[in-house]
Amino acid sequence: MEGVISLEKRLGFIGIIVENRSEQASEVNSLLSRYAELIIARTGVPYTRRGCAVISLVVDATTDEIGELSGKLGSIEGVSVKSMLSRERQLTGGENAAPENQH
């Protein structure tokens, strides 16, 4: 289905390594703030011995949105990014899940 834009949201995570925290943290944080509506959880671990930081994000977004965010993060010099997404099927379940036939 070439040329089709996916609007289905997927659950995933994005791993980020910020190699020079003092120089890149501001730009990374600004970008993450602009995409805050996609982010379910964020964990940041500063590693002062190396002057870097590791950030993990849990996201709920379309593949296009995740790709856009990952691409923008990866374009920042000294920032490495990897992402992983759930399979295409919709995730359901849990006691707080909405009934499937609810309109």
PDB file of N, CA and C in Angstrom:
ATOM      1  N   MET A   1       0.831  -1.178   0.000  1.00  0.00           N
ATOM      2  CA  MET A   1       0.000   0.000   0.000  1.00  0.00           C
ATOM      3  C   MET A   1       0.877   1.243   0.000  1.00  0.00           C
ATOM      4  N   GLU A   2       1.604   1.401  -1.049  1.00  0.00           N
ATOM      5  CA  GLU A   2       2.510   2.535  -1.179  1.00  0.00           C
ATOM      6  C   GLU A   2       1.744   3.841  -1.200  1.00  0.00           C
ATOM      7  N   GLY A   3       2.264   4.842  -0.490  1.00  0.00           N
ATOM      8  CA  GLY A   3       1.647   6.149  -0.479  1.00  0.00           C
ATOM      9  C   GLY A   3       0.544   6.321   0.545  1.00  0.00           C
ATOM     10  N   VAL A   4       0.234   5.260   1.306  1.00  0.00           N
ATOM     11  CA  VAL A   4      -0.817   5.339   2.315  1.00  0.00           C
ATOM     12  C   VAL A   4      -0.201   5.795   3.631  1.00  0.00           C
ATOM     13  N   ILE A   5      -0.830   6.758   4.269  1.00  0.00           N
ATOM     14  CA  ILE A   5      -0.361   7.259   5.553  1.00  0.00           C
ATOM     15  C   ILE A   5      -1.097   6.514   6.648  1.00  0.00           C
ATOM     16  N   SER A   6      -0.349   5.945   7.607  1.00  0.00           N
ATOM     17  CA  SER A   6      -0.945   5.197   8.697  1.00  0.00           C
ATOM     18  C   SER A   6      -1.458   6.137   9.780  1.00  0.00           C
ATOM     19  N   LEU A   7      -2.735   5.992  10.144  1.00  0.00           N
ATOM     20  CA  LEU A   7      -3.313   6.792  11.212  1.00  0.00           C
ATOM     21  C   LEU A   7      -3.539   5.949  12.459  1.00  0.00           C
ATOM     22  N   GLU A   8      -3.208   4.644  12.383  1.00  0.00           N
ATOM     23  CA  GLU A   8      -3.386   3.753  13.519  1.00  0.00           C
ATOM     24  C   GLU A   8      -2.270   3.976  14.532  1.00  0.00           C
ATOM     25  N   LYS A   9      -2.654   4.205  15.760  1.00  0.00           N
ATOM     26  CA  LYS A   9      -1.654   4.413  16.801  1.00  0.00           C
ATOM     27  C   LYS A   9      -1.076   3.086  17.244  1.00  0.00           C
ATOM     28  N   ARG A  10       0.189   3.134  17.602  1.00  0.00           N
ATOM     29  CA  ARG A  10       0.904   1.943  18.066  1.00  0.00           C
ATOM     30  C   ARG A  10       1.629   2.286  19.357  1.00  0.00           C
ATOM     31  N   LEU A  11       1.802   1.289  20.180  1.00  0.00           N
ATOM     32  CA  LEU A  11       2.558   1.444  21.408  1.00  0.00           C
ATOM     33  C   LEU A  11       4.013   1.128  21.105  1.00  0.00           C
ATOM     34  N   GLY A  12       4.927   1.909  21.645  1.00  0.00           N
ATOM     35  CA  GLY A  12       6.332   1.652  21.384  1.00  0.00           C
ATOM     36  C   GLY A  12       7.225   2.347  22.386  1.00  0.00           C
ATOM     37  N   PHE A  13       8.511   2.182  22.172  1.00  0.00           N
ATOM     38  CA  PHE A  13       9.442   2.931  22.997  1.00  0.00           C
ATOM     39  C   PHE A  13      10.563   3.471  22.137  1.00  0.00           C
ATOM     40  N   ILE A  14      11.149   4.549  22.623  1.00  0.00           N
ATOM     41  CA  ILE A  14      12.266   5.195  21.944  1.00  0.00           C
ATOM     42  C   ILE A  14      13.398   5.306  22.949  1.00  0.00           C
ATOM     43  N   GLY A  15      14.559   4.791  22.592  1.00  0.00           N
ATOM     44  CA  GLY A  15      15.755   4.908  23.421  1.00  0.00           C
ATOM     45  C   GLY A  15      16.659   5.994  22.848  1.00  0.00           C
ATOM     46  N   ILE A  16      17.124   6.869  23.725  1.00  0.00           N
ATOM     47  CA  ILE A  16      17.920   8.022  23.290  1.00  0.00           C
ATOM     48  C   ILE A  16      19.202   8.084  24.118  1.00  0.00           C
ATOM     49  N   ILE A  17      20.333   8.247  23.458  1.00  0.00           N
ATOM     50  CA  ILE A  17      21.595   8.510  24.147  1.00  0.00           C
ATOM     51  C   ILE A  17      22.051   9.899  23.748  1.00  0.00           C
ATOM     52  N   VAL A  18      22.216  10.744  24.745  1.00  0.00           N
ATOM     53  CA  VAL A  18      22.690  12.115  24.541  1.00  0.00           C
ATOM     54  C   VAL A  18      24.156  12.114  24.955  1.00  0.00           C
ATOM     55  N   GLU A  19      25.049  12.188  23.971  1.00  0.00           N
ATOM     56  CA  GLU A  19      26.476  12.013  24.225  1.00  0.00           C
ATOM     57  C   GLU A  19      27.112  13.143  25.021  1.00  0.00           C
ATOM     58  N   ASN A  20      26.660  14.362  24.803  1.00  0.00           N
ATOM     59  CA  ASN A  20      27.215  15.502  25.538  1.00  0.00           C
ATOM     60  C   ASN A  20      26.059  16.252  26.178  1.00  0.00           C
ATOM     61  N   ARG A  21      25.728  15.842  27.387  1.00  0.00           N
ATOM     62  CA  ARG A  21      24.540  16.361  28.066  1.00  0.00           C
ATOM     63  C   ARG A  21      24.537  17.876  28.184  1.00  0.00           C
ATOM     64  N   SER A  22      25.657  18.450  28.511  1.00  0.00           N
ATOM     65  CA  SER A  22      25.694  19.904  28.726  1.00  0.00           C
ATOM     66  C   SER A  22      25.417  20.687  27.447  1.00  0.00           C
ATOM     67  N   GLU A  23      25.744  20.121  26.288  1.00  0.00           N
ATOM     68  CA  GLU A  23      25.533  20.833  25.024  1.00  0.00           C
ATOM     69  C   GLU A  23      24.202  20.509  24.349  1.00  0.00           C
ATOM     70  N   GLN A  24      23.684  19.295  24.520  1.00  0.00           N
ATOM     71  CA  GLN A  24      22.517  18.873  23.744  1.00  0.00           C
ATOM     72  C   GLN A  24      21.231  18.735  24.546  1.00  0.00           C
ATOM     73  N   ALA A  25      21.298  18.763  25.863  1.00  0.00           N
ATOM     74  CA  ALA A  25      20.106  18.516  26.683  1.00  0.00           C
ATOM     75  C   ALA A  25      18.996  19.520  26.408  1.00  0.00           C
ATOM     76  N   SER A  26      19.328  20.773  26.258  1.00  0.00           N
ATOM     77  CA  SER A  26      18.324  21.800  26.037  1.00  0.00           C
ATOM     78  C   SER A  26      17.545  21.549  24.749  1.00  0.00           C
ATOM     79  N   GLU A  27      18.240  21.241  23.672  1.00  0.00           N
ATOM     80  CA  GLU A  27      17.588  20.999  22.382  1.00  0.00           C
ATOM     81  C   GLU A  27      16.735  19.731  22.431  1.00  0.00           C
ATOM     82  N   VAL A  28      17.248  18.682  23.066  1.00  0.00           N
ATOM     83  CA  VAL A  28      16.491  17.431  23.194  1.00  0.00           C
ATOM     84  C   VAL A  28      15.229  17.669  24.019  1.00  0.00           C
ATOM     85  N   ASN A  29      15.356  18.334  25.156  1.00  0.00           N
ATOM     86  CA  ASN A  29      14.196  18.583  26.019  1.00  0.00           C
ATOM     87  C   ASN A  29      13.150  19.457  25.332  1.00  0.00           C
ATOM     88  N   SER A  30      13.592  20.435  24.570  1.00  0.00           N
ATOM     89  CA  SER A  30      12.669  21.296  23.837  1.00  0.00           C
ATOM     90  C   SER A  30      11.867  20.476  22.824  1.00  0.00           C
ATOM     91  N   LEU A  31      12.549  19.609  22.112  1.00  0.00           N
ATOM     92  CA  LEU A  31      11.891  18.763  21.120  1.00  0.00           C
ATOM     93  C   LEU A  31      10.906  17.805  21.792  1.00  0.00           C
ATOM     94  N   LEU A  32      11.303  17.195  22.898  1.00  0.00           N
ATOM     95  CA  LEU A  32      10.405  16.278  23.605  1.00  0.00           C
ATOM     96  C   LEU A  32       9.174  17.013  24.128  1.00  0.00           C
ATOM     97  N   SER A  33       9.325  18.253  24.536  1.00  0.00           N
ATOM     98  CA  SER A  33       8.182  19.048  24.997  1.00  0.00           C
ATOM     99  C   SER A  33       7.181  19.283  23.870  1.00  0.00           C
ATOM    100  N   ARG A  34       7.686  19.482  22.648  1.00  0.00           N
ATOM    101  CA  ARG A  34       6.791  19.704  21.499  1.00  0.00           C
ATOM    102  C   ARG A  34       5.993  18.454  21.144  1.00  0.00           C
ATOM    103  N   TYR A  35       6.514  17.277  21.501  1.00  0.00           N
ATOM    104  CA  TYR A  35       5.847  16.006  21.205  1.00  0.00           C
ATOM    105  C   TYR A  35       5.260  15.374  22.462  1.00  0.00           C
ATOM    106  N   ALA A  36       5.027  16.156  23.492  1.00  0.00           N
ATOM    107  CA  ALA A  36       4.582  15.643  24.795  1.00  0.00           C
ATOM    108  C   ALA A  36       3.295  14.826  24.715  1.00  0.00           C
ATOM    109  N   GLU A  37       2.394  15.170  23.796  1.00  0.00           N
ATOM    110  CA  GLU A  37       1.118  14.456  23.720  1.00  0.00           C
ATOM    111  C   GLU A  37       1.282  13.003  23.276  1.00  0.00           C
ATOM    112  N   LEU A  38       2.424  12.664  22.696  1.00  0.00           N
ATOM    113  CA  LEU A  38       2.684  11.287  22.269  1.00  0.00           C
ATOM    114  C   LEU A  38       3.326  10.449  23.368  1.00  0.00           C
ATOM    115  N   ILE A  39       3.895  11.104  24.361  1.00  0.00           N
ATOM    116  CA  ILE A  39       4.729  10.437  25.367  1.00  0.00           C
ATOM    117  C   ILE A  39       3.889  10.022  26.572  1.00  0.00           C
ATOM    118  N   ILE A  40       3.881   8.713  26.857  1.00  0.00           N
ATOM    119  CA  ILE A  40       3.167   8.169  28.003  1.00  0.00           C
ATOM    120  C   ILE A  40       4.066   8.237  29.239  1.00  0.00           C
ATOM    121  N   ALA A  41       5.346   7.895  29.066  1.00  0.00           N
ATOM    122  CA  ALA A  41       6.287   7.878  30.186  1.00  0.00           C
ATOM    123  C   ALA A  41       7.672   8.251  29.682  1.00  0.00           C
ATOM    124  N   ARG A  42       8.429   8.857  30.572  1.00  0.00           N
ATOM    125  CA  ARG A  42       9.791   9.269  30.226  1.00  0.00           C
ATOM    126  C   ARG A  42      10.690   9.005  31.431  1.00  0.00           C
ATOM    127  N   THR A  43      11.818   8.356  31.176  1.00  0.00           N
ATOM    128  CA  THR A  43      12.816   8.138  32.211  1.00  0.00           C
ATOM    129  C   THR A  43      14.142   8.664  31.692  1.00  0.00           C
ATOM    130  N   GLY A  44      14.768   9.533  32.453  1.00  0.00           N
ATOM    131  CA  GLY A  44      16.063  10.076  32.074  1.00  0.00           C
ATOM    132  C   GLY A  44      17.094   9.737  33.131  1.00  0.00           C
ATOM    133  N   VAL A  45      18.228   9.240  32.688  1.00  0.00           N
ATOM    134  CA  VAL A  45      19.300   8.876  33.608  1.00  0.00           C
ATOM    135  C   VAL A  45      20.568   9.620  33.203  1.00  0.00           C
ATOM    136  N   PRO A  46      20.954  10.629  33.981  1.00  0.00           N
ATOM    137  CA  PRO A  46      22.218  11.298  33.682  1.00  0.00           C
ATOM    138  C   PRO A  46      23.378  10.406  34.133  1.00  0.00           C
ATOM    139  N   TYR A  47      24.369  10.286  33.285  1.00  0.00           N
ATOM    140  CA  TYR A  47      25.551   9.486  33.625  1.00  0.00           C
ATOM    141  C   TYR A  47      26.718  10.464  33.702  1.00  0.00           C
ATOM    142  N   THR A  48      26.876  11.069  34.869  1.00  0.00           N
ATOM    143  CA  THR A  48      27.837  12.160  35.036  1.00  0.00           C
ATOM    144  C   THR A  48      29.277  11.731  34.795  1.00  0.00           C
ATOM    145  N   ARG A  49      29.618  10.501  35.069  1.00  0.00           N
ATOM    146  CA  ARG A  49      30.987  10.033  34.847  1.00  0.00           C
ATOM    147  C   ARG A  49      31.408  10.195  33.382  1.00  0.00           C
ATOM    148  N   ARG A  50      30.451  10.036  32.473  1.00  0.00           N
ATOM    149  CA  ARG A  50      30.734  10.172  31.039  1.00  0.00           C
ATOM    150  C   ARG A  50      30.201  11.474  30.450  1.00  0.00           C
ATOM    151  N   GLY A  51      29.457  12.231  31.244  1.00  0.00           N
ATOM    152  CA  GLY A  51      28.894  13.495  30.749  1.00  0.00           C
ATOM    153  C   GLY A  51      27.764  13.306  29.764  1.00  0.00           C
ATOM    154  N   CYS A  52      27.131  12.138  29.818  1.00  0.00           N
ATOM    155  CA  CYS A  52      26.054  11.849  28.869  1.00  0.00           C
ATOM    156  C   CYS A  52      24.762  11.573  29.629  1.00  0.00           C
ATOM    157  N   ALA A  53      23.731  11.237  28.894  1.00  0.00           N
ATOM    158  CA  ALA A  53      22.449  10.869  29.492  1.00  0.00           C
ATOM    159  C   ALA A  53      21.779   9.815  28.624  1.00  0.00           C
ATOM    160  N   VAL A  54      20.977   8.982  29.271  1.00  0.00           N
ATOM    161  CA  VAL A  54      20.178   7.987  28.576  1.00  0.00           C
ATOM    162  C   VAL A  54      18.718   8.285  28.905  1.00  0.00           C
ATOM    163  N   ILE A  55      17.899   8.382  27.868  1.00  0.00           N
ATOM    164  CA  ILE A  55      16.483   8.681  28.041  1.00  0.00           C
ATOM    165  C   ILE A  55      15.686   7.565  27.373  1.00  0.00           C
ATOM    166  N   SER A  56      14.673   7.075  28.072  1.00  0.00           N
ATOM    167  CA  SER A  56      13.757   6.116  27.449  1.00  0.00           C
ATOM    168  C   SER A  56      12.355   6.699  27.483  1.00  0.00           C
ATOM    169  N   LEU A  57      11.674   6.567  26.363  1.00  0.00           N
ATOM    170  CA  LEU A  57      10.307   7.073  26.223  1.00  0.00           C
ATOM    171  C   LEU A  57       9.378   5.919  25.898  1.00  0.00           C
ATOM    172  N   VAL A  58       8.206   5.920  26.483  1.00  0.00           N
ATOM    173  CA  VAL A  58       7.123   5.032  26.069  1.00  0.00           C
ATOM    174  C   VAL A  58       6.140   5.937  25.344  1.00  0.00           C
ATOM    175  N   VAL A  59       5.785   5.565  24.115  1.00  0.00           N
ATOM    176  CA  VAL A  59       4.947   6.417  23.281  1.00  0.00           C
ATOM    177  C   VAL A  59       3.716   5.669  22.779  1.00  0.00           C
ATOM    178  N   ASP A  60       2.675   6.420  22.490  1.00  0.00           N
ATOM    179  CA  ASP A  60       1.461   5.906  21.866  1.00  0.00           C
ATOM    180  C   ASP A  60       1.168   6.868  20.720  1.00  0.00           C
ATOM    181  N   ALA A  61       1.506   6.451  19.503  1.00  0.00           N
ATOM    182  CA  ALA A  61       1.446   7.365  18.360  1.00  0.00           C
ATOM    183  C   ALA A  61       1.398   6.566  17.065  1.00  0.00           C
ATOM    184  N   THR A  62       1.142   7.274  15.975  1.00  0.00           N
ATOM    185  CA  THR A  62       1.186   6.624  14.663  1.00  0.00           C
ATOM    186  C   THR A  62       2.646   6.370  14.292  1.00  0.00           C
ATOM    187  N   THR A  63       2.854   5.493  13.341  1.00  0.00           N
ATOM    188  CA  THR A  63       4.225   5.237  12.890  1.00  0.00           C
ATOM    189  C   THR A  63       4.845   6.493  12.297  1.00  0.00           C
ATOM    190  N   ASP A  64       4.032   7.311  11.651  1.00  0.00           N
ATOM    191  CA  ASP A  64       4.540   8.565  11.082  1.00  0.00           C
ATOM    192  C   ASP A  64       5.007   9.515  12.179  1.00  0.00           C
ATOM    193  N   GLU A  65       4.231   9.632  13.256  1.00  0.00           N
ATOM    194  CA  GLU A  65       4.600  10.516  14.356  1.00  0.00           C
ATOM    195  C   GLU A  65       5.874  10.033  15.057  1.00  0.00           C
ATOM    196  N   ILE A  66       5.962   8.724  15.272  1.00  0.00           N
ATOM    197  CA  ILE A  66       7.148   8.157  15.921  1.00  0.00           C
ATOM    198  C   ILE A  66       8.367   8.340  15.030  1.00  0.00           C
ATOM    199  N   GLY A  67       8.198   8.122  13.736  1.00  0.00           N
ATOM    200  CA  GLY A  67       9.297   8.327  12.796  1.00  0.00           C
ATOM    201  C   GLY A  67       9.752   9.771  12.745  1.00  0.00           C
ATOM    202  N   GLU A  68       8.799  10.689  12.777  1.00  0.00           N
ATOM    203  CA  GLU A  68       9.132  12.118  12.757  1.00  0.00           C
ATOM    204  C   GLU A  68       9.920  12.510  14.002  1.00  0.00           C
ATOM    205  N   LEU A  69       9.437  12.091  15.172  1.00  0.00           N
ATOM    206  CA  LEU A  69      10.139  12.403  16.416  1.00  0.00           C
ATOM    207  C   LEU A  69      11.526  11.771  16.446  1.00  0.00           C
ATOM    208  N   SER A  70      11.619  10.498  16.097  1.00  0.00           N
ATOM    209  CA  SER A  70      12.916   9.812  16.087  1.00  0.00           C
ATOM    210  C   SER A  70      13.883  10.472  15.116  1.00  0.00           C
ATOM    211  N   GLY A  71      13.385  10.843  13.942  1.00  0.00           N
ATOM    212  CA  GLY A  71      14.224  11.493  12.941  1.00  0.00           C
ATOM    213  C   GLY A  71      14.759  12.833  13.407  1.00  0.00           C
ATOM    214  N   LYS A  72      13.894  13.626  14.029  1.00  0.00           N
ATOM    215  CA  LYS A  72      14.336  14.934  14.524  1.00  0.00           C
ATOM    216  C   LYS A  72      15.343  14.786  15.657  1.00  0.00           C
ATOM    217  N   LEU A  73      15.105  13.817  16.547  1.00  0.00           N
ATOM    218  CA  LEU A  73      16.078  13.578  17.618  1.00  0.00           C
ATOM    219  C   LEU A  73      17.419  13.126  17.039  1.00  0.00           C
ATOM    220  N   GLY A  74      17.367  12.204  16.088  1.00  0.00           N
ATOM    221  CA  GLY A  74      18.579  11.668  15.474  1.00  0.00           C
ATOM    222  C   GLY A  74      19.353  12.686  14.660  1.00  0.00           C
ATOM    223  N   SER A  75      18.689  13.765  14.250  1.00  0.00           N
ATOM    224  CA  SER A  75      19.381  14.799  13.473  1.00  0.00           C
ATOM    225  C   SER A  75      20.185  15.748  14.362  1.00  0.00           C
ATOM    226  N   ILE A  76      19.995  15.651  15.662  1.00  0.00           N
ATOM    227  CA  ILE A  76      20.779  16.476  16.592  1.00  0.00           C
ATOM    228  C   ILE A  76      22.153  15.833  16.735  1.00  0.00           C
ATOM    229  N   GLU A  77      23.185  16.610  16.473  1.00  0.00           N
ATOM    230  CA  GLU A  77      24.544  16.074  16.545  1.00  0.00           C
ATOM    231  C   GLU A  77      24.823  15.530  17.944  1.00  0.00           C
ATOM    232  N   GLY A  78      25.362  14.299  18.001  1.00  0.00           N
ATOM    233  CA  GLY A  78      25.701  13.679  19.274  1.00  0.00           C
ATOM    234  C   GLY A  78      24.550  12.968  19.959  1.00  0.00           C
ATOM    235  N   VAL A  79      23.418  12.815  19.254  1.00  0.00           N
ATOM    236  CA  VAL A  79      22.265  12.115  19.820  1.00  0.00           C
ATOM    237  C   VAL A  79      22.012  10.858  18.991  1.00  0.00           C
ATOM    238  N   SER A  80      21.942   9.708  19.671  1.00  0.00           N
ATOM    239  CA  SER A  80      21.647   8.430  19.020  1.00  0.00           C
ATOM    240  C   SER A  80      20.256   7.982  19.435  1.00  0.00           C
ATOM    241  N   VAL A  81      19.501   7.424  18.485  1.00  0.00           N
ATOM    242  CA  VAL A  81      18.101   7.065  18.732  1.00  0.00           C
ATOM    243  C   VAL A  81      17.792   5.702  18.129  1.00  0.00           C
ATOM    244  N   LYS A  82      17.038   4.906  18.871  1.00  0.00           N
ATOM    245  CA  LYS A  82      16.490   3.640  18.369  1.00  0.00           C
ATOM    246  C   LYS A  82      15.061   3.540  18.859  1.00  0.00           C
ATOM    247  N   SER A  83      14.191   2.965  18.037  1.00  0.00           N
ATOM    248  CA  SER A  83      12.802   2.804  18.463  1.00  0.00           C
ATOM    249  C   SER A  83      12.308   1.402  18.146  1.00  0.00           C
ATOM    250  N   MET A  84      11.279   1.007  18.857  1.00  0.00           N
ATOM    251  CA  MET A  84      10.640  -0.290  18.644  1.00  0.00           C
ATOM    252  C   MET A  84       9.144  -0.100  18.854  1.00  0.00           C
ATOM    253  N   LEU A  85       8.346  -0.732  17.989  1.00  0.00           N
ATOM    254  CA  LEU A  85       6.894  -0.557  18.041  1.00  0.00           C
ATOM    255  C   LEU A  85       6.195  -1.886  18.247  1.00  0.00           C
ATOM    256  N   SER A  86       4.972  -1.809  18.779  1.00  0.00           N
ATOM    257  CA  SER A  86       4.138  -2.999  18.886  1.00  0.00           C
ATOM    258  C   SER A  86       3.764  -3.457  17.481  1.00  0.00           C
ATOM    259  N   ARG A  87       3.271  -4.678  17.395  1.00  0.00           N
ATOM    260  CA  ARG A  87       2.773  -5.156  16.110  1.00  0.00           C
ATOM    261  C   ARG A  87       1.590  -4.312  15.693  1.00  0.00           C
ATOM    262  N   GLU A  88       1.180  -4.428  14.465  1.00  0.00           N
ATOM    263  CA  GLU A  88       0.122  -3.562  13.944  1.00  0.00           C
ATOM    264  C   GLU A  88      -1.239  -3.804  14.544  1.00  0.00           C
ATOM    265  N   ARG A  89      -1.476  -4.971  15.095  1.00  0.00           N
ATOM    266  CA  ARG A  89      -2.792  -5.208  15.689  1.00  0.00           C
ATOM    267  C   ARG A  89      -3.004  -4.279  16.873  1.00  0.00           C
ATOM    268  N   GLN A  90      -4.262  -3.935  17.115  1.00  0.00           N
ATOM    269  CA  GLN A  90      -4.593  -3.022  18.201  1.00  0.00           C
ATOM    270  C   GLN A  90      -4.405  -3.735  19.536  1.00  0.00           C
ATOM    271  N   LEU A  91      -3.763  -3.072  20.487  1.00  0.00           N
ATOM    272  CA  LEU A  91      -3.582  -3.632  21.813  1.00  0.00           C
ATOM    273  C   LEU A  91      -4.843  -3.384  22.626  1.00  0.00           C
ATOM    274  N   THR A  92      -5.358  -4.439  23.248  1.00  0.00           N
ATOM    275  CA  THR A  92      -6.539  -4.324  24.092  1.00  0.00           C
ATOM    276  C   THR A  92      -6.315  -5.121  25.352  1.00  0.00           C
ATOM    277  N   GLY A  93      -7.192  -4.938  26.296  1.00  0.00           N
ATOM    278  CA  GLY A  93      -7.132  -5.754  27.505  1.00  0.00           C
ATOM    279  C   GLY A  93      -6.954  -4.921  28.741  1.00  0.00           C
ATOM    280  N   GLY A  94      -6.925  -5.604  29.859  1.00  0.00           N
ATOM    281  CA  GLY A  94      -6.798  -4.924  31.132  1.00  0.00           C
ATOM    282  C   GLY A  94      -8.154  -4.524  31.656  1.00  0.00           C
ATOM    283  N   GLU A  95      -8.237  -4.295  32.936  1.00  0.00           N
ATOM    284  CA  GLU A  95      -9.516  -3.994  33.557  1.00  0.00           C
ATOM    285  C   GLU A  95     -10.061  -2.630  33.164  1.00  0.00           C
ATOM    286  N   ASN A  96      -9.204  -1.711  32.698  1.00  0.00           N
ATOM    287  CA  ASN A  96      -9.654  -0.373  32.324  1.00  0.00           C
ATOM    288  C   ASN A  96      -9.928  -0.229  30.826  1.00  0.00           C
ATOM    289  N   ALA A  97      -9.827  -1.321  30.090  1.00  0.00           N
ATOM    290  CA  ALA A  97     -10.040  -1.255  28.645  1.00  0.00           C
ATOM    291  C   ALA A  97     -11.506  -0.996  28.339  1.00  0.00           C
ATOM    292  N   ALA A  98     -11.751  -0.194  27.321  1.00  0.00           N
ATOM    293  CA  ALA A  98     -13.118   0.081  26.896  1.00  0.00           C
ATOM    294  C   ALA A  98     -13.676  -1.128  26.166  1.00  0.00           C
ATOM    295  N   PRO A  99     -14.962  -1.407  26.311  1.00  0.00           N
ATOM    296  CA  PRO A  99     -15.562  -2.515  25.558  1.00  0.00           C
ATOM    297  C   PRO A  99     -15.391  -2.280  24.063  1.00  0.00           C
ATOM    298  N   GLU A 100     -15.133  -3.356  23.317  1.00  0.00           N
ATOM    299  CA  GLU A 100     -14.863  -3.251  21.881  1.00  0.00           C
ATOM    300  C   GLU A 100     -16.047  -2.722  21.091  1.00  0.00           C
ATOM    301  N   ASN A 101     -17.274  -2.996  21.532  1.00  0.00           N
ATOM    302  CA  ASN A 101     -18.428  -2.572  20.752  1.00  0.00           C
ATOM    303  C   ASN A 101     -18.997  -1.248  21.229  1.00  0.00           C
ATOM    304  N   GLN A 102     -18.268  -0.517  22.041  1.00  0.00           N
ATOM    305  CA  GLN A 102     -18.723   0.793  22.528  1.00  0.00           C
ATOM    306  C   GLN A 102     -18.610   1.823  21.401  1.00  0.00           C
ATOM    307  N   HIS A 103     -19.610   2.663  21.248  1.00  0.00           N
ATOM    308  CA  HIS A 103     -19.610   3.678  20.183  1.00  0.00           C
ATOM    309  C   HIS A 103     -19.350   5.030  20.740  1.00  0.00           C
TER     310      HIS A 103
END
